[in-house]
Amino acid sequence: MDLAQEGVWLGRVWDPDVQGPIVVTLREGQVIDITSKTAPLLRDICEMEDPAAYVRAAGGRPVGPVSEIAKGTVGAPSQTHVLAPCDLQAIKACGVTFASSMVERVIEEQAAGDPQKAHVIRDNIGGLIGANLRNIKAGSQDAARIKAILIDEGLWSQYLEVGIGPDAEVFSKAQTLSSVGYGAEVGLHPKSTWNNPEPEVVLAVSSRGRIVGATLGNDVNLRDIEGRSALLLPLAKDNNASCAIGPMIRLFDGDFGLDDVRAAQLDMTVLGAQDGFEMRGASSMTEISRDPTDLVRQVIGPHHQYPDGFMLFLGTLFSPTQDRDVPGEGFTHKLGDVVTISSPKLGTLRNTVQLATDCPAWTFGIRELMRNLAQRQLL
């Protein structure tokens, strides 16, 4: 998982001895179980006044070297393996938060899921939109002026509305407890023939709207389905194993905070098991169009509460245009692709692409979690 030795880390691991999840931290390369009656859930620690201080001082038992636990077969009840670093939190995501990403969303919408048509549209309008939007502050007077220009050009889009208008796009990415973690398979809906990974920073936010840490995520995207209609966003985004988060949350403390998130650089590689294809990409948080604090405020407040907090995907700059097979048809996944997302201060998230219908079924829901914790006398 390539976690830095420095930092205060918070995560979850499947423990075969208790047939359930345990809350863990990392100390000198060892995974330490810090589950307790005070904090049986990762959510409980995120709700504390100083989560990093609690984790730093918490007693616990060694589970094993992180390098070994990372090799565990995900989904195998008999093996210790890494889980997504969240439990009762809602999983929310923001879209169209980067100027270049806006361009691709407009192209997808106008191409209606046709990659060849998208190539033509990209050549025709990509330069115009990118040049006008890259440095525009969402919701500003300049943004309103650009909106008027785009309408005159016949290029206005619902994606540009959320990209430069006053209201961000925020959607539910996955069901509570359904996210997968490091080493897991990530799922594509079998209907999709044009799709890609989306490397993103994911914030851990408490029920009071306080950002307490950050990790990495893969907001797997079905470009053809979303391109057909924005109303198909739930089908494009929320499928079995289609949300990967991890490897662990790095909690905010005196050495790591929101400014580090604002400056984060994410690197990504896709390696094809079938064809040896390799694609590299990156997403720089310095180019985001909305500040993370603004996005959090749009999610939680008097208008909407999250009693167990939430995880928030911040969007991505990455939109692949590199051809994989047919010239002009761009990139799409093949089964077996290995997607690696990394950032120096947040570690590495690695997953393998599979059909959602062939990934391990999600069966451990809230009722099973509560029953398991009760059996362990943690509730």
Protein backbone atom coordinates (compact mmCIF):
# COMPACT_ATOMS: atom_id res chain seq x y z
CA MET A 1 0.00 0.00 0.00
CA ASP A 2 3.13 2.19 0.08
CA LEU A 3 2.05 4.28 3.07
CA ALA A 4 4.53 6.85 4.33
CA GLN A 5 6.05 6.16 7.74
CA GLU A 6 5.07 9.63 8.89
CA GLY A 7 1.44 10.54 9.43
CA VAL A 8 -1.46 9.29 11.52
CA TRP A 9 -3.35 6.60 9.60
CA LEU A 10 -6.84 5.22 10.15
CA GLY A 11 -8.30 2.25 8.31
CA ARG A 12 -10.26 -0.97 8.41
CA VAL A 13 -9.24 -4.61 7.99
CA TRP A 14 -11.26 -7.81 7.81
CA ASP A 15 -10.36 -10.08 10.75
CA PRO A 16 -11.16 -13.75 10.09
CA ASP A 17 -11.01 -14.54 13.82
CA VAL A 18 -14.05 -12.34 14.51
CA GLN A 19 -15.54 -12.65 11.00
CA GLY A 20 -15.89 -8.91 10.85
CA PRO A 21 -14.09 -5.58 10.45
CA ILE A 22 -11.60 -4.10 12.87
CA VAL A 23 -10.45 -0.49 13.12
CA VAL A 24 -6.71 -0.18 12.59
CA THR A 25 -3.80 2.24 12.43
CA LEU A 26 -0.24 1.91 11.16
CA ARG A 27 2.85 2.01 13.37
CA GLU A 28 6.37 1.28 12.11
CA GLY A 29 5.05 -0.82 9.25
CA GLN A 30 2.73 -2.86 11.46
CA VAL A 31 -1.05 -2.81 11.30
CA ILE A 32 -2.42 -2.27 14.82
CA ASP A 33 -5.97 -3.15 15.87
CA ILE A 34 -7.36 -0.23 17.92
CA THR A 35 -11.00 -1.37 18.00
CA SER A 36 -12.58 -0.67 21.38
CA LYS A 37 -15.90 -0.10 23.10
CA THR A 38 -15.09 3.60 23.03
CA ALA A 39 -14.65 3.49 19.26
CA PRO A 40 -15.94 0.25 17.70
CA LEU A 41 -16.35 2.04 14.37
CA LEU A 42 -14.07 4.15 12.25
CA ARG A 43 -16.95 6.63 12.16
CA ASP A 44 -16.67 7.05 15.93
CA ILE A 45 -13.07 8.22 15.70
CA CYS A 46 -13.89 10.70 12.94
CA GLU A 47 -16.50 12.24 15.25
CA MET A 48 -13.97 12.95 18.01
CA GLU A 49 -12.63 16.41 18.75
CA ASP A 50 -9.08 15.35 17.86
CA PRO A 51 -9.11 12.07 15.89
CA ALA A 52 -5.35 12.12 15.26
CA ALA A 53 -4.52 12.50 18.96
CA TYR A 54 -6.85 9.64 19.87
CA VAL A 55 -5.36 7.30 17.28
CA ARG A 56 -1.80 8.25 18.21
CA ALA A 57 -2.43 7.38 21.87
CA ALA A 58 -4.75 4.41 21.43
CA GLY A 59 -3.65 1.06 22.76
CA GLY A 60 -3.93 -1.95 20.48
CA ARG A 61 -2.64 -5.31 19.32
CA PRO A 62 -0.43 -6.06 16.32
CA VAL A 63 -2.26 -7.67 13.39
CA GLY A 64 0.73 -8.09 11.09
CA PRO A 65 3.02 -6.27 8.67
CA VAL A 66 1.11 -4.00 6.29
CA SER A 67 3.02 -5.56 3.38
CA GLU A 68 1.58 -8.99 4.23
CA ILE A 69 -1.96 -7.87 4.98
CA ALA A 70 -2.07 -6.02 1.66
CA LYS A 71 -1.61 -9.42 -0.05
CA GLY A 72 -4.77 -10.90 1.51
CA THR A 73 -7.47 -12.04 -0.90
CA VAL A 74 -10.20 -9.42 -0.71
CA GLY A 75 -13.60 -10.94 -0.05
CA ALA A 76 -12.20 -14.17 1.40
CA PRO A 77 -13.70 -14.53 4.92
CA SER A 78 -10.83 -16.79 5.98
CA GLN A 79 -8.10 -14.27 5.16
CA THR A 80 -7.09 -10.97 6.72
CA HIS A 81 -7.51 -8.31 4.05
CA VAL A 82 -7.86 -4.58 3.62
CA LEU A 83 -11.30 -2.92 3.58
CA ALA A 84 -12.32 0.56 2.51
CA PRO A 85 -11.48 3.05 5.32
CA CYS A 86 -15.08 3.99 6.09
CA ASP A 87 -18.08 2.27 7.62
CA LEU A 88 -21.29 4.17 8.44
CA GLN A 89 -20.39 7.29 6.46
CA ALA A 90 -22.43 8.23 3.41
CA ILE A 91 -20.40 8.12 0.17
CA LYS A 92 -20.79 11.36 -1.77
CA ALA A 93 -19.00 12.63 -4.85
CA CYS A 94 -18.57 15.89 -6.70
CA GLY A 95 -18.43 16.01 -10.48
CA VAL A 96 -17.20 18.54 -13.01
CA THR A 97 -14.91 20.35 -10.56
CA PHE A 98 -12.01 20.82 -13.01
CA ALA A 99 -12.03 22.89 -16.20
CA SER A 100 -10.58 20.14 -18.40
CA SER A 101 -13.07 17.67 -16.96
CA MET A 102 -15.85 20.10 -17.93
CA VAL A 103 -14.69 19.99 -21.54
CA GLU A 104 -14.88 16.21 -21.59
CA ARG A 105 -18.35 16.17 -20.02
CA VAL A 106 -19.64 18.58 -22.68
CA ILE A 107 -18.09 16.40 -25.38
CA GLU A 108 -19.63 13.24 -23.89
CA GLU A 109 -23.04 14.88 -23.76
CA GLN A 110 -22.93 16.08 -27.36
CA ALA A 111 -21.46 12.78 -28.60
CA ALA A 112 -24.22 10.82 -26.81
CA GLY A 113 -21.82 8.00 -25.95
CA ASP A 114 -20.23 7.68 -29.43
CA PRO A 115 -16.41 7.78 -29.07
CA GLN A 116 -15.77 8.58 -32.76
CA LYS A 117 -18.18 11.50 -32.68
CA ALA A 118 -16.53 12.63 -29.44
CA HIS A 119 -13.17 12.82 -31.23
CA VAL A 120 -14.60 15.19 -33.87
CA ILE A 121 -16.35 17.38 -31.29
CA ARG A 122 -13.20 17.53 -29.17
CA ASP A 123 -11.27 18.95 -32.11
CA ASN A 124 -14.03 21.44 -32.97
CA ILE A 125 -14.90 22.91 -29.56
CA GLY A 126 -12.39 21.68 -26.98
CA GLY A 127 -9.97 24.55 -27.53
CA LEU A 128 -12.67 27.20 -27.30
CA ILE A 129 -14.19 25.90 -24.06
CA GLY A 130 -10.89 25.09 -22.38
CA ALA A 131 -9.41 28.48 -23.13
CA ASN A 132 -12.41 30.28 -21.69
CA LEU A 133 -13.03 28.19 -18.59
CA ARG A 134 -9.69 27.06 -17.17
CA ASN A 135 -9.24 30.00 -14.79
CA ILE A 136 -12.86 30.95 -14.19
CA LYS A 137 -14.07 30.99 -10.58
CA ALA A 138 -17.33 29.08 -10.32
CA GLY A 139 -20.32 31.31 -9.57
CA SER A 140 -18.44 34.56 -10.34
CA GLN A 141 -19.42 37.40 -12.66
CA ASP A 142 -16.77 36.20 -15.13
CA ALA A 143 -18.44 32.80 -15.09
CA ALA A 144 -21.79 34.39 -15.90
CA ARG A 145 -20.19 36.24 -18.83
CA ILE A 146 -18.66 33.04 -20.18
CA LYS A 147 -22.04 31.35 -19.82
CA ALA A 148 -23.59 33.99 -22.08
CA ILE A 149 -20.83 33.49 -24.67
CA LEU A 150 -21.30 29.73 -24.68
CA ILE A 151 -25.05 30.06 -25.10
CA ASP A 152 -24.45 32.28 -28.14
CA GLU A 153 -22.06 29.63 -29.51
CA GLY A 154 -24.69 26.93 -29.03
CA LEU A 155 -22.37 25.13 -26.61
CA TRP A 156 -24.16 25.58 -23.29
CA SER A 157 -24.54 22.35 -21.32
CA GLN A 158 -25.88 21.12 -18.01
CA TYR A 159 -22.29 20.05 -17.22
CA LEU A 160 -21.03 23.60 -17.69
CA GLU A 161 -23.85 24.82 -15.46
CA VAL A 162 -22.52 22.83 -12.50
CA GLY A 163 -18.93 23.50 -13.56
CA ILE A 164 -19.04 27.29 -13.47
CA GLY A 165 -22.45 28.07 -11.96
CA PRO A 166 -23.09 28.72 -8.26
CA ASP A 167 -24.16 25.15 -7.41
CA ALA A 168 -21.78 22.18 -7.57
CA GLU A 169 -22.73 18.72 -8.79
CA VAL A 170 -22.95 16.44 -5.74
CA PHE A 171 -24.26 12.90 -6.02
CA SER A 172 -24.38 9.68 -4.01
CA LYS A 173 -21.55 7.52 -5.31
CA ALA A 174 -22.16 4.31 -3.36
CA GLN A 175 -24.25 2.79 -0.62
CA THR A 176 -22.99 2.83 2.96
CA LEU A 177 -20.52 -0.03 3.52
CA SER A 178 -20.45 -1.00 -0.18
CA SER A 179 -17.11 0.63 -1.08
CA VAL A 180 -14.12 -1.63 -1.75
CA GLY A 181 -10.56 -1.01 -0.63
CA TYR A 182 -6.97 -1.64 -1.64
CA GLY A 183 -6.44 -4.83 -3.65
CA ALA A 184 -10.11 -5.37 -4.46
CA GLU A 185 -11.68 -5.81 -7.87
CA VAL A 186 -13.54 -2.76 -9.16
CA GLY A 187 -16.69 -3.36 -11.14
CA LEU A 188 -17.94 -2.23 -14.54
CA HIS A 189 -21.60 -2.63 -15.47
CA PRO A 190 -21.72 -5.20 -18.31
CA LYS A 191 -23.75 -2.77 -20.45
CA SER A 192 -20.83 -0.35 -20.68
CA THR A 193 -18.36 -0.39 -23.59
CA TRP A 194 -16.70 2.99 -22.94
CA ASN A 195 -15.41 3.59 -19.42
CA ASN A 196 -12.41 4.78 -17.43
CA PRO A 197 -10.93 5.21 -13.95
CA GLU A 198 -11.17 8.55 -12.16
CA PRO A 199 -8.34 9.20 -9.65
CA GLU A 200 -9.55 11.50 -6.88
CA VAL A 201 -8.83 12.78 -3.40
CA VAL A 202 -11.53 11.69 -0.94
CA LEU A 203 -12.20 13.70 2.21
CA ALA A 204 -13.35 12.22 5.52
CA VAL A 205 -15.92 14.64 6.95
CA SER A 206 -17.61 14.49 10.37
CA SER A 207 -21.31 15.01 11.08
CA ARG A 208 -20.48 18.63 11.96
CA GLY A 209 -19.00 19.26 8.53
CA ARG A 210 -15.44 19.20 9.82
CA ILE A 211 -12.83 17.73 7.48
CA VAL A 212 -10.74 15.33 9.57
CA GLY A 213 -8.59 13.60 6.96
CA ALA A 214 -8.12 12.50 3.37
CA THR A 215 -7.45 9.40 1.29
CA LEU A 216 -7.57 8.30 -2.36
CA GLY A 217 -10.44 7.04 -4.47
CA ASN A 218 -11.34 5.63 -7.86
CA ASP A 219 -14.71 7.00 -8.97
CA VAL A 220 -15.15 4.41 -11.73
CA ASN A 221 -16.98 6.10 -14.61
CA LEU A 222 -19.08 4.63 -17.43
CA ARG A 223 -18.65 7.32 -20.08
CA ASP A 224 -21.06 5.87 -22.62
CA ILE A 225 -23.93 5.55 -20.14
CA GLU A 226 -23.50 9.00 -18.60
CA GLY A 227 -22.97 10.44 -22.08
CA ARG A 228 -26.34 9.13 -23.26
CA SER A 229 -28.12 11.11 -20.54
CA ALA A 230 -27.15 12.80 -17.30
CA LEU A 231 -30.28 11.21 -15.84
CA LEU A 232 -28.47 7.87 -16.12
CA LEU A 233 -25.83 9.02 -13.61
CA PRO A 234 -26.94 6.47 -10.95
CA LEU A 235 -26.44 3.63 -13.46
CA ALA A 236 -23.10 5.09 -14.57
CA LYS A 237 -21.77 5.54 -11.03
CA ASP A 238 -23.32 3.16 -8.50
CA ASN A 239 -22.82 -0.53 -9.26
CA ASN A 240 -21.37 -3.46 -7.38
CA ALA A 241 -17.71 -2.71 -6.48
CA SER A 242 -17.70 0.48 -8.57
CA CYS A 243 -16.36 2.65 -5.72
CA ALA A 244 -12.81 2.14 -4.45
CA ILE A 245 -11.46 4.10 -1.46
CA GLY A 246 -8.12 3.72 0.30
CA PRO A 247 -5.67 2.62 1.36
CA MET A 248 -6.20 4.42 4.69
CA ILE A 249 -7.34 7.85 5.82
CA ARG A 250 -4.47 10.14 6.71
CA LEU A 251 -5.83 12.15 9.61
CA PHE A 252 -5.22 15.89 9.83
CA ASP A 253 -2.66 16.88 12.43
CA GLY A 254 0.16 19.41 12.79
CA ASP A 255 2.07 17.85 9.89
CA PHE A 256 -0.75 17.27 7.40
CA GLY A 257 -3.83 19.34 6.68
CA LEU A 258 -6.12 20.93 4.14
CA ASP A 259 -3.35 22.86 2.41
CA ASP A 260 -1.67 19.54 1.66
CA VAL A 261 -4.91 18.37 0.06
CA ARG A 262 -5.11 21.56 -2.01
CA ALA A 263 -1.57 20.92 -3.29
CA ALA A 264 -1.91 17.16 -3.82
CA GLN A 265 -0.68 15.59 -7.04
CA LEU A 266 -2.25 12.26 -8.00
CA ASP A 267 -0.50 9.91 -10.42
CA MET A 268 -2.24 7.00 -12.08
CA THR A 269 -1.24 4.06 -14.24
CA VAL A 270 -3.41 1.52 -16.03
CA LEU A 271 -1.69 -1.74 -17.03
CA GLY A 272 -3.58 -4.09 -19.33
CA ALA A 273 -3.37 -7.78 -18.44
CA GLN A 274 -4.86 -8.75 -21.80
CA ASP A 275 -2.85 -6.56 -24.18
CA GLY A 276 0.09 -5.11 -22.24
CA PHE A 277 -1.34 -1.63 -22.77
CA GLU A 278 -0.05 1.08 -20.46
CA MET A 279 -1.62 4.46 -19.78
CA ARG A 280 -0.36 7.10 -17.40
CA GLY A 281 -2.33 10.05 -16.14
CA ALA A 282 -2.36 12.64 -13.39
CA SER A 283 -4.70 14.96 -11.55
CA SER A 284 -3.47 18.06 -9.76
CA MET A 285 -5.62 19.51 -7.01
CA THR A 286 -4.07 22.92 -7.68
CA GLU A 287 -6.33 23.16 -10.75
CA ILE A 288 -9.64 22.43 -9.03
CA SER A 289 -12.32 25.04 -9.79
CA ARG A 290 -13.93 24.97 -6.33
CA ASP A 291 -12.17 24.87 -2.99
CA PRO A 292 -12.71 21.67 -0.97
CA THR A 293 -14.26 23.68 1.89
CA ASP A 294 -16.83 25.14 -0.53
CA LEU A 295 -17.73 21.65 -1.74
CA VAL A 296 -18.16 20.42 1.84
CA ARG A 297 -20.44 23.39 2.62
CA GLN A 298 -22.58 22.53 -0.37
CA VAL A 299 -23.00 18.97 0.91
CA ILE A 300 -23.75 19.54 4.60
CA GLY A 301 -25.48 22.33 6.52
CA PRO A 302 -28.95 23.38 7.61
CA HIS A 303 -30.21 22.05 4.26
CA HIS A 304 -28.83 18.51 4.75
CA GLN A 305 -27.46 16.57 7.73
CA TYR A 306 -25.26 13.46 7.89
CA PRO A 307 -25.36 12.05 11.43
CA ASP A 308 -22.54 9.59 10.69
CA GLY A 309 -20.49 11.94 8.53
CA PHE A 310 -19.53 11.26 4.93
CA MET A 311 -16.73 10.56 2.52
CA LEU A 312 -16.49 13.09 -0.29
CA PHE A 313 -14.85 12.51 -3.68
CA LEU A 314 -13.54 15.87 -4.93
CA GLY A 315 -13.54 15.19 -8.68
CA THR A 316 -10.69 14.69 -11.13
CA LEU A 317 -8.71 16.53 -13.76
CA PHE A 318 -8.09 13.25 -15.58
CA SER A 319 -10.08 12.55 -18.77
CA PRO A 320 -8.36 9.97 -20.98
CA THR A 321 -8.18 10.63 -24.71
CA GLN A 322 -5.32 8.21 -25.51
CA ASP A 323 -6.40 5.62 -28.09
CA ARG A 324 -6.19 2.01 -26.96
CA ASP A 325 -7.33 -0.02 -29.96
CA VAL A 326 -9.05 1.91 -32.75
CA PRO A 327 -7.75 5.37 -33.73
CA GLY A 328 -10.24 8.01 -32.67
CA GLU A 329 -12.07 5.79 -30.19
CA GLY A 330 -9.99 6.78 -27.17
CA PHE A 331 -9.48 4.71 -24.05
CA THR A 332 -11.73 2.15 -22.45
CA HIS A 333 -11.05 -0.54 -19.87
CA LYS A 334 -10.46 -4.20 -20.55
CA LEU A 335 -11.04 -6.84 -17.93
CA GLY A 336 -7.95 -7.47 -15.86
CA ASP A 337 -6.64 -3.91 -16.08
CA VAL A 338 -4.68 -2.98 -12.97
CA VAL A 339 -5.34 0.61 -11.89
CA THR A 340 -2.83 2.21 -9.52
CA ILE A 341 -3.49 5.65 -8.02
CA SER A 342 -0.82 7.19 -5.81
CA SER A 343 0.11 10.41 -4.08
CA PRO A 344 3.22 10.89 -1.90
CA LYS A 345 1.34 11.91 1.24
CA LEU A 346 -1.68 9.63 0.80
CA GLY A 347 -0.14 6.32 -0.31
CA THR A 348 -1.27 3.98 -3.07
CA LEU A 349 -4.65 2.56 -4.05
CA ARG A 350 -4.48 -0.43 -6.42
CA ASN A 351 -7.41 -2.33 -7.92
CA THR A 352 -8.14 -4.76 -10.75
CA VAL A 353 -10.96 -4.18 -13.23
CA GLN A 354 -13.71 -6.78 -13.55
CA LEU A 355 -17.39 -6.87 -14.44
CA ALA A 356 -19.58 -5.77 -11.55
CA THR A 357 -21.53 -8.99 -12.00
CA ASP A 358 -18.36 -11.04 -11.46
CA CYS A 359 -16.94 -9.10 -8.50
CA PRO A 360 -17.65 -10.52 -5.03
CA ALA A 361 -21.25 -9.67 -4.16
CA TRP A 362 -21.74 -7.10 -1.41
CA THR A 363 -23.53 -8.89 1.44
CA PHE A 364 -22.10 -7.38 4.65
CA GLY A 365 -24.51 -4.50 5.23
CA ILE A 366 -25.44 -2.39 8.25
CA ARG A 367 -27.52 -5.11 9.93
CA GLU A 368 -24.67 -7.62 9.64
CA LEU A 369 -22.20 -5.07 10.99
CA MET A 370 -24.39 -4.29 14.01
CA ARG A 371 -24.93 -8.01 14.69
CA ASN A 372 -21.19 -8.67 14.47
CA LEU A 373 -20.29 -5.82 16.82
CA ALA A 374 -22.94 -6.98 19.31
CA GLN A 375 -21.57 -10.52 19.25
CA ARG A 376 -18.13 -9.10 20.02
CA GLN A 377 -19.68 -7.10 22.91
CA LEU A 378 -18.60 -3.81 21.35
CA LEU A 379 -22.09 -2.29 21.43
